[in-house]
N, C-alpha and C. Protein backbone atom coordinates (compact mmCIF):
# COMPACT_ATOMS: atom_id res chain seq x y z
N UNK A 1 51.96 88.40 -47.41
CA UNK A 1 51.32 89.18 -48.52
C UNK A 1 51.17 88.72 -49.60
N UNK A 2 50.10 88.29 -50.22
CA UNK A 2 49.59 87.28 -51.46
C UNK A 2 50.45 88.17 -52.81
N UNK A 3 50.60 87.56 -53.81
CA UNK A 3 51.18 88.26 -55.17
C UNK A 3 50.55 89.27 -55.57
N UNK A 4 49.24 89.27 -55.51
CA UNK A 4 48.25 90.59 -55.96
C UNK A 4 48.61 91.39 -54.90
N UNK A 5 48.49 91.38 -53.82
CA UNK A 5 48.89 92.13 -52.95
C UNK A 5 49.85 93.22 -52.96
N UNK A 6 51.33 92.56 -53.15
CA UNK A 6 52.95 92.62 -53.68
C UNK A 6 52.56 93.66 -54.87
N UNK A 7 51.86 93.08 -55.93
CA UNK A 7 51.73 94.18 -57.47
C UNK A 7 50.67 95.22 -56.95
N UNK A 8 49.69 95.79 -56.25
CA UNK A 8 49.28 96.69 -56.04
C UNK A 8 50.83 97.36 -55.13
N UNK A 9 50.91 96.91 -54.44
CA UNK A 9 52.07 97.35 -53.66
C UNK A 9 52.93 98.31 -54.79
N UNK A 10 53.42 97.33 -55.58
CA UNK A 10 54.77 97.87 -56.11
C UNK A 10 54.14 98.99 -57.44
N UNK A 11 53.05 99.02 -57.60
CA UNK A 11 52.43 99.99 -58.75
C UNK A 11 51.89 101.20 -57.85
N UNK A 12 51.82 101.00 -56.29
CA UNK A 12 51.61 102.14 -55.45
C UNK A 12 52.83 103.28 -55.26
N UNK A 13 54.06 101.99 -55.40
CA UNK A 13 55.61 102.32 -55.23
C UNK A 13 55.58 103.91 -56.82
N UNK A 14 55.32 102.89 -57.57
CA UNK A 14 55.45 103.40 -58.93
C UNK A 14 54.60 104.67 -59.36
N UNK A 15 53.48 104.35 -58.35
CA UNK A 15 52.89 105.77 -58.84
C UNK A 15 52.61 107.14 -58.33
N UNK A 16 53.68 106.98 -56.55
CA UNK A 16 53.82 107.83 -55.87
C UNK A 16 55.56 108.42 -56.67
N UNK A 17 55.94 107.81 -57.28
CA UNK A 17 57.80 108.12 -58.25
C UNK A 17 56.76 108.99 -59.50
N UNK A 18 55.43 108.95 -59.82
CA UNK A 18 55.11 109.33 -60.97
C UNK A 18 54.55 108.89 -61.87
N UNK A 19 54.08 107.67 -62.04
CA UNK A 19 54.03 107.11 -63.14
C UNK A 19 52.28 106.64 -63.07
N UNK A 20 51.82 107.54 -63.98
CA UNK A 20 50.02 107.94 -64.48
C UNK A 20 49.85 106.18 -64.83
N UNK A 21 50.16 105.12 -65.38
CA UNK A 21 48.94 103.84 -65.55
C UNK A 21 49.74 103.10 -64.71
N UNK A 22 50.51 103.17 -63.81
CA UNK A 22 50.67 102.42 -62.23
C UNK A 22 49.32 102.71 -61.72
N UNK A 23 49.59 104.17 -61.59
CA UNK A 23 48.63 104.42 -60.32
C UNK A 23 46.66 104.53 -60.99
N UNK A 24 46.78 104.37 -62.24
CA UNK A 24 45.33 104.02 -62.91
C UNK A 24 45.19 102.27 -62.70
N UNK A 25 46.03 101.50 -63.09
CA UNK A 25 45.83 100.31 -62.44
C UNK A 25 45.23 99.85 -61.28
N UNK A 26 46.22 100.49 -60.34
CA UNK A 26 46.13 100.84 -58.55
C UNK A 26 44.76 100.95 -58.32
N UNK A 27 44.28 102.22 -58.67
CA UNK A 27 42.78 102.33 -58.52
C UNK A 27 41.81 101.84 -58.80
N UNK A 28 42.04 100.91 -60.15
CA UNK A 28 40.56 100.23 -60.75
C UNK A 28 41.07 99.04 -59.82
N UNK A 29 42.43 98.50 -59.46
CA UNK A 29 42.33 96.97 -59.15
C UNK A 29 41.80 97.42 -57.49
N UNK A 30 41.64 98.22 -56.82
CA UNK A 30 41.50 98.61 -55.80
C UNK A 30 39.65 98.93 -55.18
N UNK A 31 38.98 99.21 -56.55
CA UNK A 31 37.56 99.81 -56.36
C UNK A 31 37.00 98.81 -55.93
N UNK A 32 36.55 97.77 -56.46
CA UNK A 32 36.03 96.28 -55.27
C UNK A 32 36.25 95.99 -54.16
N UNK A 33 37.77 95.98 -53.75
CA UNK A 33 38.24 96.06 -52.28
C UNK A 33 37.31 97.06 -51.80
N UNK A 34 38.00 98.62 -52.24
CA UNK A 34 37.16 99.31 -50.92
C UNK A 34 35.39 99.50 -51.14
N UNK A 35 35.40 99.31 -52.56
CA UNK A 35 33.68 99.17 -51.73
C UNK A 35 33.30 98.28 -51.08
N UNK A 36 33.71 96.70 -51.28
CA UNK A 36 33.21 96.01 -50.22
C UNK A 36 33.48 96.22 -48.77
N UNK A 37 34.84 96.90 -48.51
CA UNK A 37 35.11 97.27 -47.99
C UNK A 37 33.78 98.17 -46.95
N UNK A 38 33.59 99.16 -47.84
CA UNK A 38 32.76 100.49 -47.16
C UNK A 38 31.37 99.53 -46.81
N UNK A 39 30.83 98.49 -47.86
CA UNK A 39 29.64 97.85 -47.73
C UNK A 39 29.49 96.87 -46.77
N UNK A 40 30.66 96.61 -46.46
CA UNK A 40 31.02 95.78 -45.01
C UNK A 40 30.14 96.75 -43.75
N UNK A 41 31.29 97.75 -44.05
CA UNK A 41 31.06 98.95 -42.79
C UNK A 41 29.70 99.57 -42.47
N UNK A 42 28.87 99.60 -43.24
CA UNK A 42 27.42 100.24 -43.73
C UNK A 42 26.85 99.21 -42.97
N UNK A 43 27.16 97.80 -43.86
CA UNK A 43 25.77 96.80 -43.05
C UNK A 43 26.18 96.50 -41.87
N UNK A 44 27.43 96.63 -41.25
CA UNK A 44 27.15 96.15 -39.99
C UNK A 44 27.29 96.91 -38.81
N UNK A 45 26.83 98.47 -39.43
CA UNK A 45 26.54 99.33 -38.16
C UNK A 45 25.13 99.70 -39.09
N UNK A 46 24.35 98.60 -39.50
CA UNK A 46 22.97 98.57 -39.69
C UNK A 46 22.05 99.81 -40.72
N UNK A 47 23.20 99.97 -41.48
CA UNK A 47 23.01 100.83 -42.39
C UNK A 47 22.67 100.76 -43.99
N UNK A 48 21.94 101.13 -44.79
CA UNK A 48 21.53 100.63 -45.87
C UNK A 48 23.11 101.36 -46.44
N UNK A 49 22.91 101.01 -48.06
CA UNK A 49 23.87 101.47 -48.70
C UNK A 49 23.53 102.41 -49.77
N UNK A 50 22.66 103.53 -49.76
CA UNK A 50 22.40 104.65 -50.43
C UNK A 50 23.77 105.43 -50.44
N UNK A 51 24.97 105.50 -49.81
CA UNK A 51 25.79 106.09 -50.13
C UNK A 51 26.70 105.88 -49.82
N UNK A 52 26.68 104.43 -50.27
CA UNK A 52 27.69 103.46 -50.68
C UNK A 52 28.93 104.24 -51.67
N UNK A 53 28.39 105.43 -52.49
CA UNK A 53 29.05 105.09 -53.95
C UNK A 53 29.80 106.86 -53.47
N UNK A 54 28.96 107.68 -52.80
CA UNK A 54 29.41 109.06 -52.17
C UNK A 54 31.02 108.52 -51.12
N UNK A 55 30.89 107.40 -50.26
CA UNK A 55 31.70 106.92 -49.70
C UNK A 55 32.92 107.06 -49.84
N UNK A 56 32.47 105.57 -51.36
CA UNK A 56 34.06 105.27 -51.80
C UNK A 56 34.78 105.73 -52.43
N UNK A 57 33.94 107.05 -53.45
CA UNK A 57 34.85 108.06 -53.78
C UNK A 57 35.14 109.33 -52.64
N UNK A 58 34.78 109.26 -51.77
CA UNK A 58 35.81 109.66 -50.35
C UNK A 58 37.03 109.15 -50.20
N UNK A 59 36.88 107.91 -50.19
CA UNK A 59 37.69 107.36 -50.03
C UNK A 59 39.13 107.16 -50.79
N UNK A 60 38.38 107.56 -52.06
CA UNK A 60 39.33 107.20 -53.42
C UNK A 60 40.18 108.96 -53.16
N UNK A 61 39.09 109.88 -53.03
CA UNK A 61 40.11 111.10 -53.01
C UNK A 61 41.02 111.57 -51.43
N UNK A 62 41.19 110.67 -50.87
CA UNK A 62 42.01 110.21 -49.47
C UNK A 62 42.75 109.95 -49.74
N UNK A 63 42.45 108.63 -50.50
CA UNK A 63 43.88 107.98 -50.66
C UNK A 63 44.77 109.05 -51.27
N UNK A 64 44.24 109.58 -52.91
CA UNK A 64 44.88 110.50 -53.59
C UNK A 64 45.82 111.22 -52.56
N UNK A 65 45.30 111.73 -51.51
CA UNK A 65 45.32 112.66 -51.35
C UNK A 65 46.36 112.79 -50.43
N UNK A 66 46.43 110.86 -49.29
CA UNK A 66 47.01 111.16 -48.65
C UNK A 66 48.41 109.74 -48.93
N UNK A 67 47.99 109.42 -50.27
CA UNK A 67 48.98 108.35 -50.39
C UNK A 67 50.56 108.40 -50.38
N UNK A 68 51.17 109.69 -50.63
CA UNK A 68 52.71 109.96 -49.87
C UNK A 68 52.99 109.46 -48.12
N UNK A 69 51.69 109.20 -47.66
CA UNK A 69 51.98 109.05 -46.18
C UNK A 69 52.26 107.66 -46.05
N UNK A 70 51.88 106.66 -47.24
CA UNK A 70 52.49 105.17 -47.28
C UNK A 70 52.90 105.04 -47.25
N UNK A 71 53.31 104.29 -45.94
CA UNK A 71 54.84 103.53 -45.66
C UNK A 71 55.18 102.42 -46.73
N UNK A 72 56.05 102.49 -48.06
CA UNK A 72 56.29 101.34 -48.94
C UNK A 72 56.87 99.76 -48.19
N UNK A 73 57.46 100.27 -46.37
CA UNK A 73 57.47 98.81 -46.62
C UNK A 73 56.86 98.13 -45.49
N UNK A 74 55.47 98.79 -45.19
CA UNK A 74 54.44 97.84 -44.54
C UNK A 74 53.42 97.32 -45.81
N UNK A 75 52.51 96.67 -45.58
CA UNK A 75 52.18 95.80 -46.78
C UNK A 75 50.68 97.19 -46.63
N UNK A 76 50.25 96.84 -48.09
CA UNK A 76 49.28 98.02 -48.27
C UNK A 76 47.73 97.93 -48.12
N UNK A 77 47.55 96.63 -48.50
CA UNK A 77 46.16 96.48 -48.41
C UNK A 77 45.46 96.55 -46.94
N UNK A 78 46.19 96.58 -45.87
CA UNK A 78 45.69 97.04 -44.31
C UNK A 78 45.67 98.42 -44.15
N UNK A 79 46.10 99.08 -44.97
CA UNK A 79 46.11 100.54 -45.40
C UNK A 79 45.46 101.11 -45.76
N UNK A 80 44.92 100.17 -46.55
CA UNK A 80 43.83 100.97 -47.70
C UNK A 80 42.50 100.42 -46.78
N UNK A 81 42.46 99.67 -46.18
CA UNK A 81 41.13 99.06 -45.62
C UNK A 81 40.83 99.65 -44.45
N UNK A 82 42.01 100.38 -43.62
CA UNK A 82 42.36 101.39 -42.25
C UNK A 82 41.42 102.68 -43.20
N UNK A 83 41.95 103.11 -44.17
CA UNK A 83 41.66 104.06 -44.86
C UNK A 83 39.70 104.71 -45.33
N UNK A 84 39.48 103.05 -45.58
CA UNK A 84 38.74 102.91 -45.60
C UNK A 84 37.19 102.46 -45.06
N UNK A 85 37.62 102.09 -44.16
CA UNK A 85 37.00 101.84 -42.68
C UNK A 85 36.70 103.29 -42.07
N UNK A 86 37.78 104.15 -41.90
CA UNK A 86 38.06 105.44 -41.37
C UNK A 86 36.35 106.14 -41.58
N UNK A 87 37.19 106.06 -43.18
CA UNK A 87 35.92 107.15 -43.95
C UNK A 87 34.34 106.88 -43.59
N UNK A 88 34.58 105.69 -43.92
CA UNK A 88 33.17 104.95 -43.73
C UNK A 88 32.09 105.45 -42.40
N UNK A 89 32.98 105.35 -41.10
CA UNK A 89 33.01 105.72 -39.73
C UNK A 89 32.79 106.89 -39.49
N UNK A 90 33.78 107.67 -40.36
CA UNK A 90 33.34 109.22 -39.94
C UNK A 90 31.94 109.71 -40.84
N UNK A 91 31.50 109.73 -41.91
CA UNK A 91 30.69 109.98 -42.42
C UNK A 91 29.40 109.32 -41.84
N UNK A 92 29.08 108.43 -41.43
CA UNK A 92 28.49 107.55 -40.23
C UNK A 92 28.26 108.49 -39.33
N UNK A 93 29.02 109.15 -38.21
CA UNK A 93 29.08 110.02 -37.09
C UNK A 93 28.50 110.95 -37.93
N UNK A 94 28.71 111.65 -39.04
CA UNK A 94 28.50 113.22 -39.54
C UNK A 94 27.08 112.97 -39.36
N UNK A 95 26.82 111.71 -39.82
CA UNK A 95 25.49 111.71 -40.10
C UNK A 95 24.31 111.15 -38.67
N UNK A 96 24.71 111.10 -37.69
CA UNK A 96 24.47 110.72 -36.70
C UNK A 96 24.07 109.11 -36.37
N UNK A 97 24.69 108.37 -37.23
CA UNK A 97 23.95 107.05 -37.10
C UNK A 97 24.11 105.96 -36.09
N UNK A 98 23.26 105.32 -36.41
CA UNK A 98 23.52 104.59 -35.00
C UNK A 98 22.27 103.31 -35.22
N UNK A 99 22.84 102.42 -34.77
CA UNK A 99 21.94 100.89 -34.78
C UNK A 99 21.08 100.96 -34.43
N UNK A 100 20.13 100.31 -35.19
CA UNK A 100 18.39 100.46 -35.01
C UNK A 100 18.02 99.36 -35.20
N UNK A 101 17.20 98.95 -34.64
CA UNK A 101 16.38 97.35 -34.97
C UNK A 101 15.28 97.17 -34.74
N UNK A 102 14.13 96.98 -35.45
CA UNK A 102 12.98 96.85 -34.93
C UNK A 102 12.58 95.84 -33.68
N UNK A 103 11.63 96.46 -33.08
CA UNK A 103 11.04 95.63 -31.93
C UNK A 103 9.93 95.56 -31.93
N UNK A 104 9.09 95.06 -32.92
CA UNK A 104 7.61 94.90 -33.25
C UNK A 104 7.48 93.15 -32.96
N UNK A 105 8.67 92.87 -33.30
CA UNK A 105 8.22 91.07 -33.55
C UNK A 105 9.09 90.70 -31.95
N UNK A 106 9.10 91.46 -31.12
CA UNK A 106 9.71 90.75 -29.89
C UNK A 106 8.88 91.21 -29.11
N UNK A 107 7.89 91.54 -29.00
CA UNK A 107 6.46 92.58 -28.15
C UNK A 107 5.87 90.84 -26.95
N UNK A 108 6.11 90.01 -27.41
CA UNK A 108 5.86 88.67 -26.86
C UNK A 108 7.05 88.61 -25.75
N UNK A 109 8.09 88.79 -26.08
CA UNK A 109 8.86 88.42 -25.51
C UNK A 109 9.70 89.36 -24.18
N UNK A 110 9.44 90.92 -24.83
CA UNK A 110 9.81 92.11 -24.01
C UNK A 110 8.11 92.06 -22.62
N UNK A 111 8.83 92.41 -21.26
CA UNK A 111 8.09 91.81 -20.31
C UNK A 111 7.87 93.74 -20.08
N UNK A 112 6.71 93.55 -19.55
CA UNK A 112 5.96 95.07 -19.37
C UNK A 112 6.83 95.76 -18.47
N UNK A 113 6.80 98.01 -18.52
CA UNK A 113 7.72 97.84 -18.40
C UNK A 113 7.61 98.23 -16.32
N UNK A 114 6.68 97.68 -16.10
CA UNK A 114 6.63 97.97 -14.30
C UNK A 114 7.00 96.24 -13.61
N UNK A 115 7.43 95.35 -14.56
CA UNK A 115 7.49 94.03 -14.50
C UNK A 115 9.01 93.63 -13.70
N UNK A 116 8.57 93.00 -12.96
CA UNK A 116 10.09 92.83 -12.19
C UNK A 116 10.75 91.04 -13.29
N UNK A 117 12.10 91.38 -12.52
CA UNK A 117 12.56 89.89 -13.36
C UNK A 117 12.44 89.07 -12.48
N UNK A 118 11.81 87.62 -12.86
CA UNK A 118 11.81 86.33 -11.76
C UNK A 118 13.28 85.97 -11.63
N UNK A 119 13.60 85.93 -10.13
CA UNK A 119 14.66 85.33 -9.73
C UNK A 119 14.96 83.95 -9.91
N UNK A 120 15.56 83.33 -10.31
CA UNK A 120 15.71 81.61 -9.94
C UNK A 120 16.53 81.38 -9.07
N UNK A 121 16.46 82.09 -7.91
CA UNK A 121 17.28 81.75 -6.73
C UNK A 121 16.46 82.29 -5.79
N UNK A 122 16.34 81.91 -4.75
CA UNK A 122 15.96 82.45 -3.77
C UNK A 122 17.54 83.43 -3.20
N UNK A 123 17.31 84.44 -1.63
CA UNK A 123 17.98 84.66 -1.28
C UNK A 123 19.16 83.97 -0.60
N UNK A 124 18.58 82.78 0.38
CA UNK A 124 18.99 81.79 0.55
C UNK A 124 20.29 80.69 0.06
N UNK A 125 19.39 80.76 -1.54
CA UNK A 125 20.01 79.87 -2.42
C UNK A 125 21.73 80.88 -2.65
N UNK A 126 21.00 81.68 -2.92
CA UNK A 126 22.20 83.07 -3.43
C UNK A 126 23.25 83.12 -2.65
N UNK A 127 22.73 83.41 -0.94
CA UNK A 127 24.10 83.32 -0.44
C UNK A 127 24.53 81.79 -0.05
N UNK A 128 23.85 80.85 -0.04
CA UNK A 128 24.74 79.48 -0.15
C UNK A 128 25.93 79.65 -1.45
N UNK A 129 25.58 79.72 -2.39
CA UNK A 129 26.43 80.33 -3.43
C UNK A 129 27.25 80.83 -3.48
N UNK A 130 27.35 82.08 -2.89
CA UNK A 130 28.64 82.80 -2.88
C UNK A 130 29.19 82.61 -1.58
N UNK A 131 28.56 81.88 -0.33
CA UNK A 131 29.85 81.14 0.87
C UNK A 131 30.36 79.82 0.06
N UNK A 132 30.27 79.39 -1.07
CA UNK A 132 30.96 78.70 -1.90
C UNK A 132 32.52 79.08 -2.38
N UNK A 133 32.65 80.48 -2.64
CA UNK A 133 33.19 81.23 -2.84
C UNK A 133 34.59 81.29 -2.15
N UNK A 134 35.37 81.75 -2.51
CA UNK A 134 37.14 81.97 -1.08
C UNK A 134 37.32 83.79 -1.53
N UNK A 135 37.98 83.87 -0.66
CA UNK A 135 38.94 85.35 -0.51
C UNK A 135 37.72 86.73 -0.95
N UNK A 136 38.72 87.34 -1.46
CA UNK A 136 38.11 88.81 -2.01
C UNK A 136 37.20 88.06 -2.69
N UNK A 137 37.37 87.51 -4.07
CA UNK A 137 35.49 87.42 -4.68
C UNK A 137 34.13 87.28 -3.91
N UNK A 138 34.34 86.41 -2.82
CA UNK A 138 33.34 86.21 -2.07
C UNK A 138 33.04 87.39 -1.01
N UNK A 139 33.99 87.88 -1.12
CA UNK A 139 33.74 89.25 -0.25
C UNK A 139 32.83 90.18 -0.93
N UNK A 140 32.98 90.65 -2.42
CA UNK A 140 32.97 91.18 -3.12
C UNK A 140 31.47 91.28 -3.21
N UNK A 141 31.56 89.93 -3.78
CA UNK A 141 30.12 89.65 -3.84
C UNK A 141 28.97 89.60 -3.10
N UNK A 142 29.44 89.01 -1.56
CA UNK A 142 28.16 89.35 -0.70
C UNK A 142 28.31 90.64 -0.37
N UNK A 143 28.98 91.77 -0.13
CA UNK A 143 29.05 93.14 -0.32
C UNK A 143 27.99 93.52 -1.48
N UNK A 144 28.17 93.58 -2.79
CA UNK A 144 27.45 93.66 -4.03
C UNK A 144 26.01 92.83 -4.14
N UNK A 145 26.01 91.51 -4.10
CA UNK A 145 24.68 90.72 -4.67
C UNK A 145 23.64 90.43 -3.05
N UNK A 146 24.40 90.41 -2.47
CA UNK A 146 23.59 90.33 -0.92
C UNK A 146 23.31 91.25 -0.16
N UNK A 147 23.83 92.56 -0.06
CA UNK A 147 23.99 93.47 1.01
C UNK A 147 23.52 94.86 -0.12
N UNK A 148 23.46 94.60 -1.17
CA UNK A 148 23.26 95.81 -2.35
C UNK A 148 23.89 96.83 -2.48
N UNK A 149 25.30 96.58 -2.17
CA UNK A 149 26.52 97.85 -1.92
C UNK A 149 26.62 97.88 -3.62
N UNK A 150 26.92 99.47 -4.02
CA UNK A 150 27.88 99.65 -5.30
C UNK A 150 28.92 99.03 -5.37
N UNK A 151 29.41 98.95 -6.44
CA UNK A 151 31.00 98.63 -6.70
C UNK A 151 31.96 99.30 -5.69
N UNK A 152 31.47 100.53 -5.92
CA UNK A 152 32.37 101.71 -5.80
C UNK A 152 32.31 101.20 -3.53
N UNK A 153 30.79 101.58 -3.18
CA UNK A 153 31.33 101.73 -1.51
C UNK A 153 31.76 99.75 -1.56
N UNK A 154 31.42 99.02 -2.24
CA UNK A 154 32.13 97.79 -1.74
C UNK A 154 33.59 98.07 -1.78
N UNK A 155 34.22 98.67 -2.74
CA UNK A 155 35.71 98.97 -2.62
C UNK A 155 36.08 99.22 -1.23
N UNK A 156 35.44 100.37 -1.43
CA UNK A 156 35.86 101.46 -0.17
C UNK A 156 35.57 100.29 0.90
N UNK A 157 34.64 99.72 1.52
CA UNK A 157 34.63 98.87 2.47
C UNK A 157 35.91 97.93 2.66
N UNK A 158 35.75 97.23 1.53
CA UNK A 158 36.79 95.95 1.66
C UNK A 158 38.72 96.84 1.62
N UNK A 159 38.80 98.06 1.38
CA UNK A 159 40.10 98.69 1.28
C UNK A 159 40.86 97.93 -0.31
N UNK A 160 39.75 98.47 -1.16
CA UNK A 160 40.38 97.74 -2.82
C UNK A 160 40.02 98.76 -4.00
N UNK A 161 40.60 98.72 -4.61
CA UNK A 161 40.16 100.00 -5.51
C UNK A 161 39.35 99.79 -5.98
N UNK A 162 38.89 100.66 -6.69
CA UNK A 162 37.49 100.07 -7.62
C UNK A 162 38.04 98.94 -8.65
N UNK A 163 38.79 98.99 -9.62
CA UNK A 163 38.58 97.93 -10.40
C UNK A 163 39.60 96.90 -9.74
N UNK A 164 40.08 96.68 -8.78
CA UNK A 164 40.47 95.57 -8.58
C UNK A 164 38.69 94.61 -7.12
N UNK A 165 38.20 95.60 -7.34
CA UNK A 165 36.41 95.07 -6.63
C UNK A 165 35.94 94.22 -7.97
N UNK A 166 35.65 95.47 -9.33
CA UNK A 166 35.73 94.73 -10.35
C UNK A 166 36.31 93.05 -10.93
N UNK A 167 37.42 93.39 -10.51
CA UNK A 167 38.03 91.94 -11.29
C UNK A 167 37.40 91.06 -10.20
N UNK A 168 37.58 91.06 -8.85
CA UNK A 168 37.04 90.17 -8.39
C UNK A 168 35.71 90.05 -8.52
N UNK A 169 34.72 90.60 -8.54
CA UNK A 169 33.56 90.66 -8.88
C UNK A 169 33.16 89.26 -10.01
N UNK A 170 33.92 89.89 -11.21
CA UNK A 170 34.00 89.39 -12.29
C UNK A 170 34.59 87.62 -12.05
N UNK A 171 35.47 87.50 -12.05
CA UNK A 171 35.79 86.30 -11.79
C UNK A 171 34.73 85.65 -10.30
N UNK A 172 34.10 85.87 -9.47
CA UNK A 172 33.26 85.21 -8.75
C UNK A 172 31.99 85.28 -9.94
N UNK A 173 31.88 85.87 -10.75
CA UNK A 173 30.53 85.75 -11.05
C UNK A 173 31.17 84.58 -11.55
N UNK A 174 31.68 84.08 -12.59
CA UNK A 174 32.81 83.23 -13.80
C UNK A 174 31.91 82.17 -13.05
N UNK A 175 33.10 81.57 -11.68
CA UNK A 175 33.10 80.44 -10.88
C UNK A 175 31.92 80.31 -10.23
N UNK A 176 30.88 81.11 -10.46
CA UNK A 176 29.18 81.10 -9.87
C UNK A 176 28.68 80.35 -11.06
N UNK A 177 29.00 81.05 -12.27
CA UNK A 177 28.10 79.91 -13.32
C UNK A 177 28.99 79.17 -13.42
N UNK A 178 29.96 78.54 -13.68
CA UNK A 178 30.46 76.95 -14.08
C UNK A 178 29.33 76.41 -13.02
N UNK A 179 29.91 76.87 -11.21
CA UNK A 179 28.79 76.23 -10.14
C UNK A 179 27.49 75.69 -10.80
N UNK A 180 26.99 76.79 -11.36
CA UNK A 180 25.48 76.21 -12.24
C UNK A 180 25.55 75.68 -13.04
N UNK A 181 26.40 75.96 -14.17
CA UNK A 181 26.38 74.62 -15.02
C UNK A 181 26.95 73.15 -14.96
N UNK A 182 27.77 73.42 -14.23
CA UNK A 182 27.78 71.85 -13.66
C UNK A 182 26.71 71.11 -12.80
N UNK A 183 25.96 72.12 -12.26
CA UNK A 183 25.00 71.54 -11.20
C UNK A 183 23.67 70.80 -12.18
N UNK A 184 23.62 71.60 -13.43
CA UNK A 184 22.83 71.56 -14.55
C UNK A 184 22.65 70.24 -14.72
N UNK A 185 24.11 69.57 -15.35
CA UNK A 185 24.36 68.57 -16.04
C UNK A 185 24.92 67.38 -15.32
């Protein structure tokens, strides 16, 4: 905790004890921080800042109503950051906000809906790669990638839990990626 944050924490303790001046100083000092947190939250969710002031005001109202819940033995700034982020996310949820990205500029990259992705390896190449693996990873990758089984079906067939089958699959893929990377260099 830096010197400024320690001062804010002292002001919060004093404000909770009834010191109006300390509370006013705290709110004025926290305003830029809370605004920055909310702005970052909005931008990270691909939203404009048209509701910035409303959310910041809601943050300060919540801070006022919940300030007695802050534990003075804990740092103040992470508590304020969590409060502001949660208020922003709550507002976005109520709005039904989702991230949207324009795709018009990517038309030349996107394939037609009925186009199949080009395979970089033939079935025999894939089989040869999978056979380089050992143990469960080889068994799960053979079942899923070569035989077309679902993870659940492969797990049942191999006598594994679905979670263990997923772990073996991911480990196998990681090893194959490393083999592929080495063969390219």
